[in-house]
Amino acid sequence: MASWIENVIDTLGVWGIALLMFLENVFPPIPSELIMTLSGFAASRGETSIVLVIIAGTLGSLAGALFWYGIGRMFDQERVKRLADRHGRWVTLTRTDLERTDRWFDDHGHWAVLFGRLIPTIRTLISIPAGFSEMPLSRFLIFTSIGTTIWTAFLALFGYWLGNDYQVLEEWLDPVSLGVVVLVVVIYVWRFITFPKTHRDQKK
């Protein structure tokens, strides 16, 4: 995956960084940890500006967050709850989860969005309940932008700081990215196995 990311960045420059970060938000298995650190490394070699790298990464990530926020706003909450009753096991999502998320966002929505953008895998999912809860777009953009800028800047500057120590970069990123993917799979399997029965299942 690292070589593919490098090829995209080499071919498209900062536009490639923005595209990759957008895809990372839509398809989480593409790790932003790898995208932004490699982008920072490219900047350290003088191929682009570190400031442009951070801006491109932030804009791409923000576009991906807006995509999921829009999905959340499009769907009626009651319809989503009915879908959770019927098919929630496959996404490990219950009606109770949705109702709890709605209440939580009523109290802490903006902080959840800000800090959620700093946590792997959560930074993608956090946009959906924000849309469900009808969080104002202006507030969503402000707090998403702050969290996203902090995350992308940290990773880009880390890659920039490593400079020519590319081997160290690879040794650090590969196990971290793999560990995130494995953790997501383990959590999914555990939630699928322990998923509570719906009222319809209990009547059978």
Protein backbone atom coordinates (compact mmCIF):
# COMPACT_ATOMS: atom_id res chain seq x y z
CA MET A 1 0.00 0.00 0.00
CA ALA A 2 2.86 2.40 0.77
CA SER A 3 4.21 2.18 -2.78
CA TRP A 4 0.74 2.83 -4.23
CA ILE A 5 0.31 5.91 -2.02
CA GLU A 6 3.73 7.16 -3.05
CA ASN A 7 2.85 6.74 -6.72
CA VAL A 8 -0.35 8.74 -6.33
CA ILE A 9 1.49 11.55 -4.52
CA ASP A 10 4.31 11.57 -7.09
CA THR A 11 1.82 11.69 -9.98
CA LEU A 12 -0.77 14.14 -8.67
CA GLY A 13 1.19 16.12 -6.07
CA VAL A 14 -0.88 17.91 -3.43
CA TRP A 15 -4.07 17.04 -5.35
CA GLY A 16 -3.17 13.40 -4.83
CA ILE A 17 -2.81 14.00 -1.09
CA ALA A 18 -6.27 15.57 -0.96
CA LEU A 19 -7.74 12.69 -3.00
CA LEU A 20 -6.14 10.04 -0.78
CA MET A 21 -7.36 11.71 2.40
CA PHE A 22 -10.87 11.91 0.95
CA LEU A 23 -10.77 8.20 0.14
CA GLU A 24 -9.38 7.44 3.61
CA ASN A 25 -12.52 8.97 5.12
CA VAL A 26 -14.84 7.09 2.76
CA PHE A 27 -12.91 3.81 2.93
CA PRO A 28 -11.13 3.65 6.34
CA PRO A 29 -8.73 0.74 5.58
CA ILE A 30 -6.64 3.31 3.67
CA PRO A 31 -4.70 4.70 6.66
CA SER A 32 -4.19 8.46 7.01
CA GLU A 33 -1.16 7.63 9.18
CA LEU A 34 0.57 6.35 6.07
CA ILE A 35 -0.74 9.00 3.67
CA MET A 36 0.25 12.07 5.67
CA THR A 37 3.60 10.82 6.98
CA LEU A 38 4.67 9.88 3.45
CA SER A 39 3.44 13.29 2.26
CA GLY A 40 5.50 14.98 4.98
CA PHE A 41 8.48 12.89 3.93
CA ALA A 42 8.00 14.08 0.32
CA ALA A 43 7.98 17.67 1.56
CA SER A 44 11.26 17.09 3.41
CA ARG A 45 12.84 16.15 0.07
CA GLY A 46 11.73 19.47 -1.42
CA GLU A 47 9.08 17.95 -3.69
CA THR A 48 6.37 20.21 -2.25
CA SER A 49 5.70 22.60 0.62
CA ILE A 50 4.88 21.21 4.06
CA VAL A 51 2.22 23.93 4.39
CA LEU A 52 0.55 22.80 1.14
CA VAL A 53 0.74 19.19 2.34
CA ILE A 54 -1.15 20.05 5.54
CA ILE A 55 -3.73 22.16 3.67
CA ALA A 56 -4.33 19.45 1.05
CA GLY A 57 -4.64 16.73 3.68
CA THR A 58 -7.04 18.81 5.74
CA LEU A 59 -9.26 19.71 2.76
CA GLY A 60 -9.41 16.11 1.53
CA SER A 61 -10.29 14.83 4.98
CA LEU A 62 -12.89 17.55 5.42
CA ALA A 63 -14.52 16.59 2.10
CA GLY A 64 -14.77 12.99 3.27
CA ALA A 65 -16.29 14.07 6.58
CA LEU A 66 -18.87 16.16 4.73
CA PHE A 67 -19.75 13.15 2.58
CA TRP A 68 -20.75 11.08 5.63
CA TYR A 69 -22.36 14.07 7.34
CA GLY A 70 -24.55 14.50 4.25
CA ILE A 71 -25.51 10.81 4.35
CA GLY A 72 -26.55 11.22 7.97
CA ARG A 73 -28.69 14.26 7.17
CA MET A 74 -30.39 12.57 4.20
CA PHE A 75 -31.88 9.64 6.10
CA ASP A 76 -34.82 9.88 8.48
CA GLN A 77 -33.78 8.71 11.95
CA GLU A 78 -36.83 6.50 12.44
CA ARG A 79 -36.14 4.79 9.11
CA VAL A 80 -32.56 4.15 10.17
CA LYS A 81 -33.78 2.72 13.49
CA ARG A 82 -36.09 0.32 11.64
CA LEU A 83 -33.18 -0.76 9.44
CA ALA A 84 -31.11 -1.32 12.58
CA ASP A 85 -33.90 -3.55 13.94
CA ARG A 86 -33.85 -5.66 10.77
CA HIS A 87 -30.23 -5.67 9.65
CA GLY A 88 -28.26 -4.06 12.48
CA ARG A 89 -26.37 -7.24 13.28
CA TRP A 90 -24.28 -6.90 10.10
CA VAL A 91 -23.09 -3.42 11.05
CA THR A 92 -23.29 -4.18 14.82
CA LEU A 93 -25.67 -1.26 15.32
CA THR A 94 -28.84 -1.40 17.45
CA ARG A 95 -31.77 0.98 17.87
CA THR A 96 -30.51 1.61 21.40
CA ASP A 97 -27.09 2.63 20.04
CA LEU A 98 -28.72 5.19 17.75
CA GLU A 99 -30.93 6.61 20.50
CA ARG A 100 -27.97 6.85 22.88
CA THR A 101 -25.91 8.60 20.20
CA ASP A 102 -28.69 11.14 19.62
CA ARG A 103 -28.85 11.99 23.33
CA TRP A 104 -25.07 12.19 23.60
CA PHE A 105 -24.78 14.54 20.65
CA ASP A 106 -27.44 16.79 22.14
CA ASP A 107 -25.06 17.40 25.06
CA HIS A 108 -21.55 16.99 23.62
CA GLY A 109 -21.85 17.00 19.84
CA HIS A 110 -19.22 19.60 18.97
CA TRP A 111 -16.60 18.15 21.34
CA ALA A 112 -17.31 14.63 20.08
CA VAL A 113 -16.70 15.78 16.52
CA LEU A 114 -13.49 17.62 17.42
CA PHE A 115 -11.84 14.85 19.44
CA GLY A 116 -13.31 12.08 17.28
CA ARG A 117 -11.28 13.40 14.36
CA LEU A 118 -8.11 12.52 16.29
CA ILE A 119 -8.96 8.83 16.78
CA PRO A 120 -8.33 6.23 14.03
CA THR A 121 -11.53 4.69 12.54
CA ILE A 122 -13.68 6.92 14.80
CA ARG A 123 -12.85 9.99 12.70
CA THR A 124 -14.83 8.49 9.82
CA LEU A 125 -17.83 7.28 11.83
CA ILE A 126 -18.21 10.43 13.92
CA SER A 127 -19.65 12.35 10.96
CA ILE A 128 -22.67 10.04 10.61
CA PRO A 129 -24.26 10.61 14.05
CA ALA A 130 -23.49 14.32 13.64
CA GLY A 131 -25.71 14.24 10.57
CA PHE A 132 -28.37 12.11 12.27
CA SER A 133 -28.48 14.55 15.17
CA GLU A 134 -28.87 17.47 12.75
CA MET A 135 -25.82 19.24 14.10
CA PRO A 136 -25.66 22.67 12.39
CA LEU A 137 -23.38 22.54 9.34
CA SER A 138 -21.41 25.63 10.41
CA ARG A 139 -20.63 24.11 13.82
CA PHE A 140 -19.77 20.75 12.25
CA LEU A 141 -17.35 22.43 9.81
CA ILE A 142 -15.64 24.46 12.54
CA PHE A 143 -14.96 21.58 14.94
CA THR A 144 -14.21 19.06 12.19
CA SER A 145 -11.71 21.48 10.65
CA ILE A 146 -9.95 22.03 13.98
CA GLY A 147 -9.64 18.31 14.75
CA THR A 148 -8.67 17.43 11.19
CA THR A 149 -6.00 20.13 10.97
CA ILE A 150 -4.41 18.97 14.24
CA TRP A 151 -4.32 15.34 13.07
CA THR A 152 -3.01 15.96 9.54
CA ALA A 153 -0.43 18.50 10.74
CA PHE A 154 0.89 16.13 13.40
CA LEU A 155 1.35 13.28 10.91
CA ALA A 156 2.79 15.48 8.15
CA LEU A 157 5.26 17.16 10.49
CA PHE A 158 6.29 13.76 11.86
CA GLY A 159 7.11 12.56 8.34
CA TYR A 160 8.88 15.84 7.60
CA TRP A 161 10.92 15.58 10.80
CA LEU A 162 12.05 12.04 9.96
CA GLY A 163 13.48 13.36 6.71
CA ASN A 164 15.79 10.84 5.10
CA ASP A 165 15.14 8.21 7.78
CA TYR A 166 12.69 6.48 5.46
CA GLN A 167 13.43 3.04 6.86
CA VAL A 168 12.47 4.23 10.34
CA LEU A 169 9.25 5.63 8.88
CA GLU A 170 8.31 2.32 7.28
CA GLU A 171 9.19 0.33 10.40
CA TRP A 172 6.96 2.59 12.51
CA LEU A 173 3.98 2.91 10.17
CA ASP A 174 3.52 -0.63 8.88
CA PRO A 175 2.84 -2.29 12.26
CA VAL A 176 0.70 0.63 13.45
CA SER A 177 -1.48 0.60 10.32
CA LEU A 178 -1.77 -3.20 10.46
CA GLY A 179 -2.62 -3.04 14.16
CA VAL A 180 -5.46 -0.57 13.52
CA VAL A 181 -6.98 -2.81 10.83
CA VAL A 182 -6.68 -5.93 13.04
CA LEU A 183 -8.26 -4.09 15.99
CA VAL A 184 -11.22 -3.00 13.86
CA VAL A 185 -11.77 -6.58 12.64
CA VAL A 186 -11.55 -8.03 16.17
CA ILE A 187 -14.04 -5.48 17.53
CA TYR A 188 -16.43 -6.17 14.65
CA VAL A 189 -16.31 -9.95 15.11
CA TRP A 190 -16.81 -9.63 18.87
CA ARG A 191 -19.79 -7.29 18.46
CA PHE A 192 -21.29 -9.54 15.77
CA ILE A 193 -21.07 -12.63 17.99
CA THR A 194 -22.41 -10.87 21.09
CA PHE A 195 -25.02 -8.81 19.22
CA PRO A 196 -28.28 -8.68 21.25
CA LYS A 197 -31.42 -10.29 19.85
CA THR A 198 -34.15 -7.98 18.58
CA HIS A 199 -37.75 -8.30 19.70
CA ARG A 200 -38.54 -9.96 16.39
CA ASP A 201 -35.87 -12.59 16.91
CA GLN A 202 -37.11 -13.32 20.42
CA LYS A 203 -40.64 -14.04 19.17
CA LYS A 204 -39.43 -16.77 16.82
